[in-house]
PDB file of N, CA and C in Angstrom:
ATOM      1  N   MET A   1      -2.458 -10.929  -1.191  1.00  0.00           N
ATOM      2  CA  MET A   1      -1.326 -11.155  -0.408  1.00  0.00           C
ATOM      3  C   MET A   1      -0.489  -9.749  -0.386  1.00  0.00           C
ATOM      4  N   VAL A   2      -0.375  -9.066  -1.479  1.00  0.00           N
ATOM      5  CA  VAL A   2       0.335  -7.830  -1.593  1.00  0.00           C
ATOM      6  C   VAL A   2      -0.449  -6.762  -0.783  1.00  0.00           C
ATOM      7  N   GLY A   3      -1.703  -6.747  -0.789  1.00  0.00           N
ATOM      8  CA  GLY A   3      -2.464  -5.710  -0.164  1.00  0.00           C
ATOM      9  C   GLY A   3      -2.270  -5.843   1.365  1.00  0.00           C
ATOM     10  N   ILE A   4      -2.172  -7.095   1.771  1.00  0.00           N
ATOM     11  CA  ILE A   4      -1.998  -7.338   3.206  1.00  0.00           C
ATOM     12  C   ILE A   4      -0.608  -6.898   3.625  1.00  0.00           C
ATOM     13  N   LYS A   5       0.365  -7.094   2.790  1.00  0.00           N
ATOM     14  CA  LYS A   5       1.733  -6.607   3.176  1.00  0.00           C
ATOM     15  C   LYS A   5       1.826  -5.072   3.122  1.00  0.00           C
ATOM     16  N   ILE A   6       1.127  -4.509   2.170  1.00  0.00           N
ATOM     17  CA  ILE A   6       1.172  -2.979   2.076  1.00  0.00           C
ATOM     18  C   ILE A   6       0.466  -2.484   3.479  1.00  0.00           C
ATOM     19  N   LYS A   7      -0.526  -3.114   3.883  1.00  0.00           N
ATOM     20  CA  LYS A   7      -1.261  -2.667   5.180  1.00  0.00           C
ATOM     21  C   LYS A   7      -0.172  -2.813   6.362  1.00  0.00           C
ATOM     22  N   GLU A   8       0.395  -4.029   6.374  1.00  0.00           N
ATOM     23  CA  GLU A   8       1.320  -4.333   7.566  1.00  0.00           C
ATOM     24  C   GLU A   8       2.527  -3.247   7.587  1.00  0.00           C
ATOM     25  N   ILE A   9       3.136  -2.923   6.431  1.00  0.00           N
ATOM     26  CA  ILE A   9       4.184  -2.044   6.477  1.00  0.00           C
ATOM     27  C   ILE A   9       3.714  -0.612   6.716  1.00  0.00           C
ATOM     28  N   ARG A  10       2.569  -0.323   6.147  1.00  0.00           N
ATOM     29  CA  ARG A  10       2.023   0.980   6.473  1.00  0.00           C
ATOM     30  C   ARG A  10       1.786   1.240   7.938  1.00  0.00           C
ATOM     31  N   GLU A  11       1.204   0.246   8.526  1.00  0.00           N
ATOM     32  CA  GLU A  11       0.927   0.315   9.973  1.00  0.00           C
ATOM     33  C   GLU A  11       2.207   0.331  10.813  1.00  0.00           C
ATOM     34  N   ARG A  12       3.208  -0.465  10.397  1.00  0.00           N
ATOM     35  CA  ARG A  12       4.462  -0.504  11.135  1.00  0.00           C
ATOM     36  C   ARG A  12       5.063   0.866  11.009  1.00  0.00           C
ATOM     37  N   ASN A  13       5.027   1.517   9.960  1.00  0.00           N
ATOM     38  CA  ASN A  13       5.552   2.883   9.855  1.00  0.00           C
ATOM     39  C   ASN A  13       4.686   4.051  10.275  1.00  0.00           C
ATOM     40  N   LYS A  14       3.599   3.646  10.956  1.00  0.00           N
ATOM     41  CA  LYS A  14       2.649   4.568  11.694  1.00  0.00           C
ATOM     42  C   LYS A  14       2.000   5.540  10.728  1.00  0.00           C
ATOM     43  N   LEU A  15       1.615   5.112   9.492  1.00  0.00           N
ATOM     44  CA  LEU A  15       0.963   5.914   8.546  1.00  0.00           C
ATOM     45  C   LEU A  15      -0.460   5.483   8.435  1.00  0.00           C
ATOM     46  N   THR A  16      -1.274   6.547   8.315  1.00  0.00           N
ATOM     47  CA  THR A  16      -2.760   6.174   8.236  1.00  0.00           C
ATOM     48  C   THR A  16      -3.167   5.856   6.746  1.00  0.00           C
ATOM     49  N   ARG A  17      -4.221   5.188   6.571  1.00  0.00           N
ATOM     50  CA  ARG A  17      -4.848   4.898   5.274  1.00  0.00           C
ATOM     51  C   ARG A  17      -5.021   6.235   4.700  1.00  0.00           C
ATOM     52  N   GLU A  18      -5.666   7.215   5.371  1.00  0.00           N
ATOM     53  CA  GLU A  18      -6.012   8.579   4.802  1.00  0.00           C
ATOM     54  C   GLU A  18      -4.780   9.234   4.297  1.00  0.00           C
ATOM     55  N   TYR A  19      -3.643   9.233   4.998  1.00  0.00           N
ATOM     56  CA  TYR A  19      -2.414   9.765   4.635  1.00  0.00           C
ATOM     57  C   TYR A  19      -1.975   9.240   3.229  1.00  0.00           C
ATOM     58  N   VAL A  20      -1.872   7.927   3.133  1.00  0.00           N
ATOM     59  CA  VAL A  20      -1.403   7.265   1.860  1.00  0.00           C
ATOM     60  C   VAL A  20      -2.540   7.584   0.730  1.00  0.00           C
ATOM     61  N   ALA A  21      -3.708   7.569   1.015  1.00  0.00           N
ATOM     62  CA  ALA A  21      -4.758   7.847  -0.003  1.00  0.00           C
ATOM     63  C   ALA A  21      -4.514   9.269  -0.588  1.00  0.00           C
ATOM     64  N   ILE A  22      -4.228  10.251   0.341  1.00  0.00           N
ATOM     65  CA  ILE A  22      -4.028  11.558  -0.162  1.00  0.00           C
ATOM     66  C   ILE A  22      -2.829  11.660  -0.887  1.00  0.00           C
ATOM     67  N   GLN A  23      -1.711  10.975  -0.544  1.00  0.00           N
ATOM     68  CA  GLN A  23      -0.493  11.072  -1.225  1.00  0.00           C
ATOM     69  C   GLN A  23      -0.632  10.322  -2.620  1.00  0.00           C
ATOM     70  N   MET A  24      -1.533   9.382  -2.729  1.00  0.00           N
ATOM     71  CA  MET A  24      -1.762   8.677  -3.940  1.00  0.00           C
ATOM     72  C   MET A  24      -2.786   9.403  -4.766  1.00  0.00           C
ATOM     73  N   GLU A  25      -3.392  10.494  -4.267  1.00  0.00           N
ATOM     74  CA  GLU A  25      -4.346  11.279  -5.077  1.00  0.00           C
ATOM     75  C   GLU A  25      -5.563  10.501  -5.377  1.00  0.00           C
ATOM     76  N   MET A  26      -6.114   9.616  -4.406  1.00  0.00           N
ATOM     77  CA  MET A  26      -7.177   8.747  -4.552  1.00  0.00           C
ATOM     78  C   MET A  26      -8.107   8.834  -3.373  1.00  0.00           C
ATOM     79  N   SER A  27      -9.276   8.397  -3.534  1.00  0.00           N
ATOM     80  CA  SER A  27     -10.251   8.511  -2.323  1.00  0.00           C
ATOM     81  C   SER A  27      -9.773   7.352  -1.434  1.00  0.00           C
ATOM     82  N   LEU A  28     -10.151   7.569  -0.108  1.00  0.00           N
ATOM     83  CA  LEU A  28      -9.943   6.500   0.881  1.00  0.00           C
ATOM     84  C   LEU A  28     -10.559   5.189   0.595  1.00  0.00           C
ATOM     85  N   SER A  29     -11.723   5.291   0.071  1.00  0.00           N
ATOM     86  CA  SER A  29     -12.326   4.025  -0.484  1.00  0.00           C
ATOM     87  C   SER A  29     -11.636   3.309  -1.484  1.00  0.00           C
ATOM     88  N   GLN A  30     -11.004   3.976  -2.455  1.00  0.00           N
ATOM     89  CA  GLN A  30     -10.225   3.326  -3.476  1.00  0.00           C
ATOM     90  C   GLN A  30      -8.949   2.748  -2.869  1.00  0.00           C
ATOM     91  N   TYR A  31      -8.293   3.520  -2.038  1.00  0.00           N
ATOM     92  CA  TYR A  31      -7.081   2.925  -1.385  1.00  0.00           C
ATOM     93  C   TYR A  31      -7.530   1.838  -0.534  1.00  0.00           C
ATOM     94  N   SER A  32      -8.555   1.796   0.288  1.00  0.00           N
ATOM     95  CA  SER A  32      -8.861   0.634   1.072  1.00  0.00           C
ATOM     96  C   SER A  32      -9.111  -0.584   0.171  1.00  0.00           C
ATOM     97  N   LYS A  33      -9.534  -0.417  -1.073  1.00  0.00           N
ATOM     98  CA  LYS A  33      -9.686  -1.629  -1.919  1.00  0.00           C
ATOM     99  C   LYS A  33      -8.359  -2.218  -2.224  1.00  0.00           C
ATOM    100  N   ILE A  34      -7.318  -1.513  -2.254  1.00  0.00           N
ATOM    101  CA  ILE A  34      -6.020  -1.900  -2.570  1.00  0.00           C
ATOM    102  C   ILE A  34      -5.581  -2.796  -1.324  1.00  0.00           C
ATOM    103  N   GLU A  35      -5.626  -2.363  -0.198  1.00  0.00           N
ATOM    104  CA  GLU A  35      -5.263  -3.173   0.973  1.00  0.00           C
ATOM    105  C   GLU A  35      -6.160  -4.426   1.206  1.00  0.00           C
ATOM    106  N   THR A  36      -7.291  -4.379   0.864  1.00  0.00           N
ATOM    107  CA  THR A  36      -8.266  -5.579   0.873  1.00  0.00           C
ATOM    108  C   THR A  36      -8.215  -6.395  -0.222  1.00  0.00           C
ATOM    109  N   GLU A  37      -7.464  -6.083  -1.251  1.00  0.00           N
ATOM    110  CA  GLU A  37      -7.264  -6.815  -2.463  1.00  0.00           C
ATOM    111  C   GLU A  37      -8.522  -6.984  -3.287  1.00  0.00           C
ATOM    112  N   ASN A  38      -9.345  -5.909  -3.303  1.00  0.00           N
ATOM    113  CA  ASN A  38     -10.605  -5.882  -3.954  1.00  0.00           C
ATOM    114  C   ASN A  38     -10.449  -5.206  -5.306  1.00  0.00           C
ATOM    115  N   VAL A  39      -9.195  -5.039  -5.828  1.00  0.00           N
ATOM    116  CA  VAL A  39      -8.924  -4.273  -7.061  1.00  0.00           C
ATOM    117  C   VAL A  39      -7.639  -4.764  -7.525  1.00  0.00           C
ATOM    118  N   ASP A  40      -7.513  -4.705  -8.961  1.00  0.00           N
ATOM    119  CA  ASP A  40      -6.241  -5.033  -9.552  1.00  0.00           C
ATOM    120  C   ASP A  40      -5.283  -3.907  -9.380  1.00  0.00           C
ATOM    121  N   LEU A  41      -4.179  -4.079  -8.874  1.00  0.00           N
ATOM    122  CA  LEU A  41      -3.264  -2.920  -8.640  1.00  0.00           C
ATOM    123  C   LEU A  41      -2.205  -2.937  -9.853  1.00  0.00           C
ATOM    124  N   LYS A  42      -2.175  -1.646 -10.516  1.00  0.00           N
ATOM    125  CA  LYS A  42      -1.198  -1.470 -11.585  1.00  0.00           C
ATOM    126  C   LYS A  42       0.135  -1.372 -10.978  1.00  0.00           C
ATOM    127  N   LEU A  43       1.102  -1.655 -11.846  1.00  0.00           N
ATOM    128  CA  LEU A  43       2.519  -1.516 -11.347  1.00  0.00           C
ATOM    129  C   LEU A  43       2.853  -0.095 -10.910  1.00  0.00           C
ATOM    130  N   SER A  44       2.360   0.820 -11.766  1.00  0.00           N
ATOM    131  CA  SER A  44       2.772   2.273 -11.505  1.00  0.00           C
ATOM    132  C   SER A  44       2.166   2.684 -10.056  1.00  0.00           C
ATOM    133  N   LYS A  45       1.024   2.162  -9.775  1.00  0.00           N
ATOM    134  CA  LYS A  45       0.367   2.612  -8.447  1.00  0.00           C
ATOM    135  C   LYS A  45       1.295   1.805  -7.305  1.00  0.00           C
ATOM    136  N   LEU A  46       1.616   0.588  -7.582  1.00  0.00           N
ATOM    137  CA  LEU A  46       2.483  -0.163  -6.657  1.00  0.00           C
ATOM    138  C   LEU A  46       3.838   0.628  -6.391  1.00  0.00           C
ATOM    139  N   ASP A  47       4.423   1.061  -7.484  1.00  0.00           N
ATOM    140  CA  ASP A  47       5.573   1.857  -7.340  1.00  0.00           C
ATOM    141  C   ASP A  47       5.486   2.980  -6.351  1.00  0.00           C
ATOM    142  N   LYS A  48       4.368   3.730  -6.551  1.00  0.00           N
ATOM    143  CA  LYS A  48       4.106   4.939  -5.799  1.00  0.00           C
ATOM    144  C   LYS A  48       3.805   4.591  -4.417  1.00  0.00           C
ATOM    145  N   ILE A  49       2.983   3.486  -4.148  1.00  0.00           N
ATOM    146  CA  ILE A  49       2.651   3.140  -2.738  1.00  0.00           C
ATOM    147  C   ILE A  49       3.966   2.759  -1.975  1.00  0.00           C
ATOM    148  N   VAL A  50       4.851   1.928  -2.531  1.00  0.00           N
ATOM    149  CA  VAL A  50       5.974   1.507  -1.873  1.00  0.00           C
ATOM    150  C   VAL A  50       6.915   2.707  -1.545  1.00  0.00           C
ATOM    151  N   LYS A  51       6.981   3.626  -2.273  1.00  0.00           N
ATOM    152  CA  LYS A  51       7.668   4.822  -2.015  1.00  0.00           C
ATOM    153  C   LYS A  51       7.117   5.594  -0.843  1.00  0.00           C
ATOM    154  N   ILE A  52       5.693   5.766  -0.846  1.00  0.00           N
ATOM    155  CA  ILE A  52       5.005   6.537   0.272  1.00  0.00           C
ATOM    156  C   ILE A  52       5.176   5.776   1.575  1.00  0.00           C
ATOM    157  N   ILE A  53       5.050   4.498   1.643  1.00  0.00           N
ATOM    158  CA  ILE A  53       5.098   3.777   2.873  1.00  0.00           C
ATOM    159  C   ILE A  53       6.499   3.441   3.298  1.00  0.00           C
ATOM    160  N   GLY A  54       7.501   3.757   2.448  1.00  0.00           N
ATOM    161  CA  GLY A  54       8.946   3.508   2.910  1.00  0.00           C
ATOM    162  C   GLY A  54       9.342   2.087   2.780  1.00  0.00           C
ATOM    163  N   ALA A  55       8.862   1.429   1.683  1.00  0.00           N
ATOM    164  CA  ALA A  55       9.276   0.018   1.488  1.00  0.00           C
ATOM    165  C   ALA A  55       9.879  -0.117   0.123  1.00  0.00           C
ATOM    166  N   LYS A  56      10.325  -1.419  -0.111  1.00  0.00           N
ATOM    167  CA  LYS A  56      10.746  -1.815  -1.402  1.00  0.00           C
ATOM    168  C   LYS A  56       9.757  -2.933  -1.914  1.00  0.00           C
ATOM    169  N   LYS A  57       9.665  -2.987  -3.248  1.00  0.00           N
ATOM    170  CA  LYS A  57       8.827  -3.937  -3.739  1.00  0.00           C
ATOM    171  C   LYS A  57       9.088  -5.353  -3.324  1.00  0.00           C
ATOM    172  N   SER A  58      10.346  -5.627  -3.104  1.00  0.00           N
ATOM    173  CA  SER A  58      10.661  -6.973  -2.578  1.00  0.00           C
ATOM    174  C   SER A  58      10.215  -7.230  -1.267  1.00  0.00           C
ATOM    175  N   ASP A  59       9.868  -6.267  -0.445  1.00  0.00           N
ATOM    176  CA  ASP A  59       9.262  -6.417   0.963  1.00  0.00           C
ATOM    177  C   ASP A  59       7.901  -6.988   0.767  1.00  0.00           C
ATOM    178  N   LEU A  60       7.273  -6.717  -0.286  1.00  0.00           N
ATOM    179  CA  LEU A  60       5.838  -7.154  -0.457  1.00  0.00           C
ATOM    180  C   LEU A  60       5.769  -8.608  -0.845  1.00  0.00           C
ATOM    181  N   PHE A  61       6.908  -9.030  -1.337  1.00  0.00           N
ATOM    182  CA  PHE A  61       6.916 -10.548  -1.788  1.00  0.00           C
ATOM    183  C   PHE A  61       7.730 -11.412  -0.792  1.00  0.00           C
ATOM    184  N   SER A  62       8.281 -10.894   0.116  1.00  0.00           N
ATOM    185  CA  SER A  62       9.106 -11.792   1.004  1.00  0.00           C
ATOM    186  C   SER A  62       8.219 -12.283   2.224  1.00  0.00           C
ATOM    187  N   GLY A  63       8.744 -13.069   3.030  1.00  0.00           N
ATOM    188  CA  GLY A  63       8.052 -13.528   4.122  1.00  0.00           C
ATOM    189  C   GLY A  63       7.932 -12.590   5.208  1.00  0.00           C
ATOM    190  N   ARG A  64       8.585 -11.558   5.194  1.00  0.00           N
ATOM    191  CA  ARG A  64       8.531 -10.553   6.327  1.00  0.00           C
ATOM    192  C   ARG A  64       7.873  -9.292   5.789  1.00  0.00           C
ATOM    193  N   ALA A  65       7.364  -8.531   6.702  1.00  0.00           N
ATOM    194  CA  ALA A  65       6.771  -7.194   6.300  1.00  0.00           C
ATOM    195  C   ALA A  65       7.465  -6.071   7.021  1.00  0.00           C
TER     196      ALA A  65
END
């Protein structure tokens, strides 16, 4: 669910997966696994992602994206 919200917010803010992956200093493949929820996401990475995509952690757990 968190990965899906990250993707929705990223797309709403017109950011590419490539851009976020570069900002996260990870490969596109690694970042894609976060959005498809194929990896456990550490809190430190979550903090960095929400900052990059312009969101708050609470946005990821609310009914809206």
